[in-house]
């Protein structure tokens, strides 16, 4: 079976599952179909519809594909075809009066834009871009002295033998004779002196302090 060679004359970009109704996006796409890229960008920049933002992103993506992948100039291209396809609809519900619900349909769409040269020339093949070479970081060679010190630091240090504790008799002999300590005398608390009763100046006799009379309950007697 013979194979047919087809010429590539368009560069396209597509955005899928855009959260915009297909009818609203189609009204915007109809305004830029057949326009040059600079003119289409100007129309989308001054359009008040929300769908113009999504269409502008798709147009910029198509221009980037033509410039990076095929080496073309974006301003020399024009919008050869632009169309909108319906996507899946998200179904939601809203509460209404008398226990009923109302249906909410959140529609999505697929936006496609294709660019071509005005003269209808064939689009060149994609440019094969070489992968950037990753250079390995240079390895700094340490001097021999630093390397030897590092090896010595890594070696485990030998453990020291535990020191022997001197015996108490040897310590007493080394210290020499010690004077005997005097026995500590226990200090007893001194008794407090008793207060003497006051004496009468005239008679010289001691008088005892007068006692306060006891309180009597006069209410019960009455």
C-alpha atoms as a PDB file:
ATOM      1  CA  UNK A   1       0.000   0.000   0.000  1.00  0.00           C
ATOM      2  CA  UNK A   2       1.505   3.351  -1.052  1.00  0.00           C
ATOM      3  CA  UNK A   3       2.126   6.010   1.587  1.00  0.00           C
ATOM      4  CA  UNK A   4       1.024   9.562   0.874  1.00  0.00           C
ATOM      5  CA  UNK A   5       3.389  12.358   1.948  1.00  0.00           C
ATOM      6  CA  UNK A   6       1.444  15.339   3.287  1.00  0.00           C
ATOM      7  CA  UNK A   7       2.941  18.797   3.561  1.00  0.00           C
ATOM      8  CA  UNK A   8       2.719  20.514   6.910  1.00  0.00           C
ATOM      9  CA  UNK A   9       1.471  24.072   6.442  1.00  0.00           C
ATOM     10  CA  UNK A  10       0.087  24.891   9.905  1.00  0.00           C
ATOM     11  CA  UNK A  11       1.309  25.172  13.480  1.00  0.00           C
ATOM     12  CA  UNK A  12      -1.399  24.654  16.042  1.00  0.00           C
ATOM     13  CA  UNK A  13      -2.066  24.803  19.754  1.00  0.00           C
ATOM     14  CA  UNK A  14      -5.008  23.498  21.751  1.00  0.00           C
ATOM     15  CA  UNK A  15      -6.403  24.054  25.230  1.00  0.00           C
ATOM     16  CA  UNK A  16      -8.658  21.309  26.542  1.00  0.00           C
ATOM     17  CA  UNK A  17     -11.294  21.355  29.276  1.00  0.00           C
ATOM     18  CA  UNK A  18     -11.467  25.150  29.515  1.00  0.00           C
ATOM     19  CA  UNK A  19     -14.088  26.227  32.061  1.00  0.00           C
ATOM     20  CA  UNK A  20     -16.025  28.377  29.599  1.00  0.00           C
ATOM     21  CA  UNK A  21     -19.213  27.713  27.669  1.00  0.00           C
ATOM     22  CA  UNK A  22     -18.533  26.799  23.996  1.00  0.00           C
ATOM     23  CA  UNK A  23     -20.970  29.440  22.745  1.00  0.00           C
ATOM     24  CA  UNK A  24     -19.183  32.232  24.649  1.00  0.00           C
ATOM     25  CA  UNK A  25     -15.735  31.142  23.445  1.00  0.00           C
ATOM     26  CA  UNK A  26     -16.934  30.802  19.856  1.00  0.00           C
ATOM     27  CA  UNK A  27     -18.032  34.468  19.826  1.00  0.00           C
ATOM     28  CA  UNK A  28     -14.464  35.484  20.639  1.00  0.00           C
ATOM     29  CA  UNK A  29     -12.763  33.076  18.234  1.00  0.00           C
ATOM     30  CA  UNK A  30     -14.878  34.346  15.318  1.00  0.00           C
ATOM     31  CA  UNK A  31     -13.337  37.817  15.747  1.00  0.00           C
ATOM     32  CA  UNK A  32      -9.725  36.708  15.170  1.00  0.00           C
ATOM     33  CA  UNK A  33     -10.153  34.085  12.431  1.00  0.00           C
ATOM     34  CA  UNK A  34      -8.217  35.130   9.301  1.00  0.00           C
ATOM     35  CA  UNK A  35      -6.400  37.984  11.108  1.00  0.00           C
ATOM     36  CA  UNK A  36      -2.662  38.429  11.439  1.00  0.00           C
ATOM     37  CA  UNK A  37      -1.056  37.647  14.768  1.00  0.00           C
ATOM     38  CA  UNK A  38      -0.413  41.310  15.794  1.00  0.00           C
ATOM     39  CA  UNK A  39      -3.977  42.277  14.816  1.00  0.00           C
ATOM     40  CA  UNK A  40      -5.483  39.302  16.669  1.00  0.00           C
ATOM     41  CA  UNK A  41      -3.543  40.175  19.822  1.00  0.00           C
ATOM     42  CA  UNK A  42      -4.816  43.754  19.685  1.00  0.00           C
ATOM     43  CA  UNK A  43      -8.445  42.609  19.313  1.00  0.00           C
ATOM     44  CA  UNK A  44      -8.174  40.210  22.255  1.00  0.00           C
ATOM     45  CA  UNK A  45      -6.473  42.810  24.451  1.00  0.00           C
ATOM     46  CA  UNK A  46      -9.403  45.253  24.159  1.00  0.00           C
ATOM     47  CA  UNK A  47     -12.248  42.696  24.221  1.00  0.00           C
ATOM     48  CA  UNK A  48     -14.362  42.760  27.393  1.00  0.00           C
ATOM     49  CA  UNK A  49     -15.446  39.100  27.365  1.00  0.00           C
ATOM     50  CA  UNK A  50     -13.884  36.749  29.923  1.00  0.00           C
ATOM     51  CA  UNK A  51     -13.278  34.088  27.270  1.00  0.00           C
ATOM     52  CA  UNK A  52     -10.818  36.451  25.542  1.00  0.00           C
ATOM     53  CA  UNK A  53      -8.233  35.699  28.245  1.00  0.00           C
ATOM     54  CA  UNK A  54      -8.318  31.950  27.499  1.00  0.00           C
ATOM     55  CA  UNK A  55      -8.196  32.504  23.726  1.00  0.00           C
ATOM     56  CA  UNK A  56      -5.209  34.851  24.148  1.00  0.00           C
ATOM     57  CA  UNK A  57      -3.291  32.145  26.031  1.00  0.00           C
ATOM     58  CA  UNK A  58      -3.921  29.613  23.236  1.00  0.00           C
ATOM     59  CA  UNK A  59      -2.780  32.141  20.599  1.00  0.00           C
ATOM     60  CA  UNK A  60       0.446  32.866  22.508  1.00  0.00           C
ATOM     61  CA  UNK A  61       1.102  29.119  22.826  1.00  0.00           C
ATOM     62  CA  UNK A  62       0.719  28.624  19.052  1.00  0.00           C
ATOM     63  CA  UNK A  63       3.115  31.504  18.339  1.00  0.00           C
ATOM     64  CA  UNK A  64       5.672  30.050  20.774  1.00  0.00           C
ATOM     65  CA  UNK A  65       5.439  26.651  19.053  1.00  0.00           C
ATOM     66  CA  UNK A  66       6.157  28.255  15.681  1.00  0.00           C
ATOM     67  CA  UNK A  67       9.104  30.298  16.937  1.00  0.00           C
ATOM     68  CA  UNK A  68      10.830  27.703  19.118  1.00  0.00           C
ATOM     69  CA  UNK A  69      10.109  24.448  17.292  1.00  0.00           C
ATOM     70  CA  UNK A  70      10.203  25.630  13.641  1.00  0.00           C
ATOM     71  CA  UNK A  71      12.316  28.813  13.750  1.00  0.00           C
ATOM     72  CA  UNK A  72       9.588  31.110  12.336  1.00  0.00           C
ATOM     73  CA  UNK A  73       8.789  34.741  13.148  1.00  0.00           C
ATOM     74  CA  UNK A  74       5.497  35.046  15.035  1.00  0.00           C
ATOM     75  CA  UNK A  75       4.471  38.401  13.561  1.00  0.00           C
ATOM     76  CA  UNK A  76       4.705  37.006  10.001  1.00  0.00           C
ATOM     77  CA  UNK A  77       1.975  34.400  10.648  1.00  0.00           C
ATOM     78  CA  UNK A  78      -1.807  34.678  10.545  1.00  0.00           C
ATOM     79  CA  UNK A  79      -4.701  32.744  12.114  1.00  0.00           C
ATOM     80  CA  UNK A  80      -5.536  30.167   9.458  1.00  0.00           C
ATOM     81  CA  UNK A  81      -8.190  28.336  11.474  1.00  0.00           C
ATOM     82  CA  UNK A  82      -9.738  28.717  14.909  1.00  0.00           C
ATOM     83  CA  UNK A  83     -12.631  26.717  16.297  1.00  0.00           C
ATOM     84  CA  UNK A  84     -14.194  25.660  19.585  1.00  0.00           C
ATOM     85  CA  UNK A  85     -15.422  22.186  20.487  1.00  0.00           C
ATOM     86  CA  UNK A  86     -17.763  21.217  23.311  1.00  0.00           C
ATOM     87  CA  UNK A  87     -16.288  19.427  26.302  1.00  0.00           C
ATOM     88  CA  UNK A  88     -17.897  17.461  29.138  1.00  0.00           C
ATOM     89  CA  UNK A  89     -20.546  19.191  31.247  1.00  0.00           C
ATOM     90  CA  UNK A  90     -20.327  19.208  35.043  1.00  0.00           C
ATOM     91  CA  UNK A  91     -23.753  18.700  36.609  1.00  0.00           C
ATOM     92  CA  UNK A  92     -24.545  20.397  39.895  1.00  0.00           C
ATOM     93  CA  UNK A  93     -27.742  21.022  41.893  1.00  0.00           C
ATOM     94  CA  UNK A  94     -29.206  24.015  43.705  1.00  0.00           C
ATOM     95  CA  UNK A  95     -31.920  24.012  46.376  1.00  0.00           C
ATOM     96  CA  UNK A  96     -35.214  25.692  45.440  1.00  0.00           C
ATOM     97  CA  UNK A  97     -38.596  26.261  47.076  1.00  0.00           C
ATOM     98  CA  UNK A  98     -40.918  23.481  48.328  1.00  0.00           C
ATOM     99  CA  UNK A  99     -38.099  20.943  48.691  1.00  0.00           C
ATOM    100  CA  UNK A 100     -37.218  20.942  45.011  1.00  0.00           C
ATOM    101  CA  UNK A 101     -33.847  21.294  43.290  1.00  0.00           C
ATOM    102  CA  UNK A 102     -32.723  23.101  40.158  1.00  0.00           C
ATOM    103  CA  UNK A 103     -30.119  21.765  37.727  1.00  0.00           C
ATOM    104  CA  UNK A 104     -26.867  23.675  37.149  1.00  0.00           C
ATOM    105  CA  UNK A 105     -24.769  22.840  34.071  1.00  0.00           C
ATOM    106  CA  UNK A 106     -21.137  23.946  34.127  1.00  0.00           C
ATOM    107  CA  UNK A 107     -19.959  23.555  30.566  1.00  0.00           C
ATOM    108  CA  UNK A 108     -16.398  23.145  29.277  1.00  0.00           C
ATOM    109  CA  UNK A 109     -14.852  23.517  25.832  1.00  0.00           C
ATOM    110  CA  UNK A 110     -11.736  22.786  23.759  1.00  0.00           C
ATOM    111  CA  UNK A 111     -10.144  25.770  21.977  1.00  0.00           C
ATOM    112  CA  UNK A 112      -7.908  25.145  18.927  1.00  0.00           C
ATOM    113  CA  UNK A 113      -5.946  27.766  16.934  1.00  0.00           C
ATOM    114  CA  UNK A 114      -3.771  27.037  13.871  1.00  0.00           C
ATOM    115  CA  UNK A 115      -1.254  29.508  12.372  1.00  0.00           C
ATOM    116  CA  UNK A 116       0.172  29.511   8.849  1.00  0.00           C
ATOM    117  CA  UNK A 117       2.332  31.624   6.547  1.00  0.00           C
ATOM    118  CA  UNK A 118       0.470  34.123   4.325  1.00  0.00           C
ATOM    119  CA  UNK A 119       2.045  32.723   1.147  1.00  0.00           C
ATOM    120  CA  UNK A 120       0.950  29.177   2.008  1.00  0.00           C
ATOM    121  CA  UNK A 121       4.509  27.887   2.153  1.00  0.00           C
ATOM    122  CA  UNK A 122       5.394  24.638   3.841  1.00  0.00           C
ATOM    123  CA  UNK A 123       6.341  24.797   7.494  1.00  0.00           C
ATOM    124  CA  UNK A 124       9.955  23.664   7.998  1.00  0.00           C
ATOM    125  CA  UNK A 125      10.687  20.556   9.995  1.00  0.00           C
ATOM    126  CA  UNK A 126      11.078  20.886  13.751  1.00  0.00           C
ATOM    127  CA  UNK A 127      14.508  22.066  14.818  1.00  0.00           C
ATOM    128  CA  UNK A 128      16.387  19.451  16.801  1.00  0.00           C
ATOM    129  CA  UNK A 129      17.763  21.162  19.840  1.00  0.00           C
ATOM    130  CA  UNK A 130      20.828  19.609  21.424  1.00  0.00           C
ATOM    131  CA  UNK A 131      20.558  18.808  25.095  1.00  0.00           C
ATOM    132  CA  UNK A 132      22.645  21.138  27.242  1.00  0.00           C
ATOM    133  CA  UNK A 133      25.882  19.521  28.325  1.00  0.00           C
ATOM    134  CA  UNK A 134      26.154  19.223  32.069  1.00  0.00           C
ATOM    135  CA  UNK A 135      29.721  19.800  33.181  1.00  0.00           C
ATOM    136  CA  UNK A 136      30.909  17.950  36.239  1.00  0.00           C
ATOM    137  CA  UNK A 137      32.184  20.220  39.007  1.00  0.00           C
ATOM    138  CA  UNK A 138      35.984  20.278  39.221  1.00  0.00           C
ATOM    139  CA  UNK A 139      37.423  18.124  41.960  1.00  0.00           C
ATOM    140  CA  UNK A 140      39.887  20.024  44.105  1.00  0.00           C
ATOM    141  CA  UNK A 141      42.883  17.939  45.071  1.00  0.00           C
ATOM    142  CA  UNK A 142      43.876  18.461  48.674  1.00  0.00           C
ATOM    143  CA  UNK A 143      47.604  18.749  49.464  1.00  0.00           C
ATOM    144  CA  UNK A 144      49.439  15.742  50.879  1.00  0.00           C
ATOM    145  CA  UNK A 145      49.778  17.272  54.367  1.00  0.00           C
ATOM    146  CA  UNK A 146      46.039  17.970  54.703  1.00  0.00           C
ATOM    147  CA  UNK A 147      45.249  14.453  53.430  1.00  0.00           C
ATOM    148  CA  UNK A 148      47.600  12.905  56.007  1.00  0.00           C
ATOM    149  CA  UNK A 149      46.002  14.982  58.808  1.00  0.00           C
ATOM    150  CA  UNK A 150      42.539  13.897  57.710  1.00  0.00           C
ATOM    151  CA  UNK A 151      43.593  10.242  57.788  1.00  0.00           C
ATOM    152  CA  UNK A 152      45.047  10.662  61.279  1.00  0.00           C
ATOM    153  CA  UNK A 153      41.848  12.307  62.528  1.00  0.00           C
ATOM    154  CA  UNK A 154      39.790   9.420  61.194  1.00  0.00           C
ATOM    155  CA  UNK A 155      41.871   6.809  63.081  1.00  0.00           C
ATOM    156  CA  UNK A 156      40.361   5.886  66.483  1.00  0.00           C
ATOM    157  CA  UNK A 157      42.450   6.998  69.453  1.00  0.00           C
ATOM    158  CA  UNK A 158      43.759   4.215  71.806  1.00  0.00           C
ATOM    159  CA  UNK A 159      42.027   3.943  75.168  1.00  0.00           C
ATOM    160  CA  UNK A 160      43.989   4.851  78.284  1.00  0.00           C
ATOM    161  CA  UNK A 161      44.331   2.386  81.163  1.00  0.00           C
ATOM    162  CA  UNK A 162      42.316   3.368  84.274  1.00  0.00           C
ATOM    163  CA  UNK A 163      44.294   5.002  87.055  1.00  0.00           C
ATOM    164  CA  UNK A 164      44.829   3.030  90.308  1.00  0.00           C
ATOM    165  CA  UNK A 165      43.362   4.606  93.396  1.00  0.00           C
ATOM    166  CA  UNK A 166      45.888   4.959  96.328  1.00  0.00           C
ATOM    167  CA  UNK A 167      45.147   2.959  99.471  1.00  0.00           C
ATOM    168  CA  UNK A 168      43.983   4.898 102.582  1.00  0.00           C
ATOM    169  CA  UNK A 169      46.958   3.714 104.715  1.00  0.00           C
ATOM    170  CA  UNK A 170      49.443   4.971 102.150  1.00  0.00           C
ATOM    171  CA  UNK A 171      47.669   8.302 102.041  1.00  0.00           C
ATOM    172  CA  UNK A 172      47.887   8.638 105.828  1.00  0.00           C
ATOM    173  CA  UNK A 173      51.616   7.893 105.823  1.00  0.00           C
ATOM    174  CA  UNK A 174      52.228  10.366 103.015  1.00  0.00           C
ATOM    175  CA  UNK A 175      50.272  13.089 104.803  1.00  0.00           C
ATOM    176  CA  UNK A 176      52.346  12.680 108.061  1.00  0.00           C
ATOM    177  CA  UNK A 177      51.219  13.069 111.681  1.00  0.00           C
ATOM    178  CA  UNK A 178      48.118  15.097 112.183  1.00  0.00           C
ATOM    179  CA  UNK A 179      47.395  16.934 115.419  1.00  0.00           C
ATOM    180  CA  UNK A 180      44.589  15.419 117.439  1.00  0.00           C
ATOM    181  CA  UNK A 181      41.451  17.440 117.275  1.00  0.00           C
ATOM    182  CA  UNK A 182      39.948  18.639 120.541  1.00  0.00           C
ATOM    183  CA  UNK A 183      36.576  17.101 121.319  1.00  0.00           C
ATOM    184  CA  UNK A 184      33.814  19.399 120.418  1.00  0.00           C
ATOM    185  CA  UNK A 185      31.923  20.709 123.409  1.00  0.00           C
ATOM    186  CA  UNK A 186      28.201  20.560 123.186  1.00  0.00           C
ATOM    187  CA  UNK A 187      26.635  23.985 123.690  1.00  0.00           C
ATOM    188  CA  UNK A 188      23.542  23.878 125.838  1.00  0.00           C
ATOM    189  CA  UNK A 189      20.900  26.551 125.423  1.00  0.00           C
ATOM    190  CA  UNK A 190      20.929  29.129 128.216  1.00  0.00           C
ATOM    191  CA  UNK A 191      17.751  29.324 130.345  1.00  0.00           C
ATOM    192  CA  UNK A 192      15.724  32.495 129.972  1.00  0.00           C
ATOM    193  CA  UNK A 193      15.684  34.707 133.142  1.00  0.00           C
ATOM    194  CA  UNK A 194      12.353  34.863 134.931  1.00  0.00           C
ATOM    195  CA  UNK A 195      10.740  38.269 135.259  1.00  0.00           C
ATOM    196  CA  UNK A 196      10.550  39.439 138.858  1.00  0.00           C
ATOM    197  CA  UNK A 197       7.245  40.903 140.086  1.00  0.00           C
ATOM    198  CA  UNK A 198       7.215  44.676 140.501  1.00  0.00           C
ATOM    199  CA  UNK A 199       7.792  45.924 144.090  1.00  0.00           C
ATOM    200  CA  UNK A 200       5.812  48.641 145.858  1.00  0.00           C
ATOM    201  CA  UNK A 201       8.004  51.680 146.335  1.00  0.00           C
ATOM    202  CA  UNK A 202       6.444  52.731 149.701  1.00  0.00           C
ATOM    203  CA  UNK A 203       6.207  49.366 151.488  1.00  0.00           C
ATOM    204  CA  UNK A 204       8.948  47.566 149.571  1.00  0.00           C
ATOM    205  CA  UNK A 205       6.762  44.479 149.202  1.00  0.00           C
ATOM    206  CA  UNK A 206       6.336  42.656 145.949  1.00  0.00           C
ATOM    207  CA  UNK A 207       2.945  43.018 144.313  1.00  0.00           C
ATOM    208  CA  UNK A 208       1.362  40.499 141.992  1.00  0.00           C
ATOM    209  CA  UNK A 209      -0.233  41.716 138.782  1.00  0.00           C
ATOM    210  CA  UNK A 210      -3.956  42.232 139.073  1.00  0.00           C
ATOM    211  CA  UNK A 211      -6.146  39.755 137.303  1.00  0.00           C
ATOM    212  CA  UNK A 212      -8.897  40.846 134.983  1.00  0.00           C
ATOM    213  CA  UNK A 213     -12.436  40.121 136.242  1.00  0.00           C
ATOM    214  CA  UNK A 214     -14.320  37.414 134.412  1.00  0.00           C
ATOM    215  CA  UNK A 215     -17.220  38.474 132.228  1.00  0.00           C
ATOM    216  CA  UNK A 216     -20.633  37.422 133.487  1.00  0.00           C
ATOM    217  CA  UNK A 217     -23.717  36.859 131.378  1.00  0.00           C
ATOM    218  CA  UNK A 218     -26.102  39.490 132.701  1.00  0.00           C
ATOM    219  CA  UNK A 219     -28.761  38.809 130.086  1.00  0.00           C
ATOM    220  CA  UNK A 220     -29.504  35.308 131.366  1.00  0.00           C
ATOM    221  CA  UNK A 221     -29.876  36.497 134.958  1.00  0.00           C
ATOM    222  CA  UNK A 222     -32.377  39.079 133.980  1.00  0.00           C
END
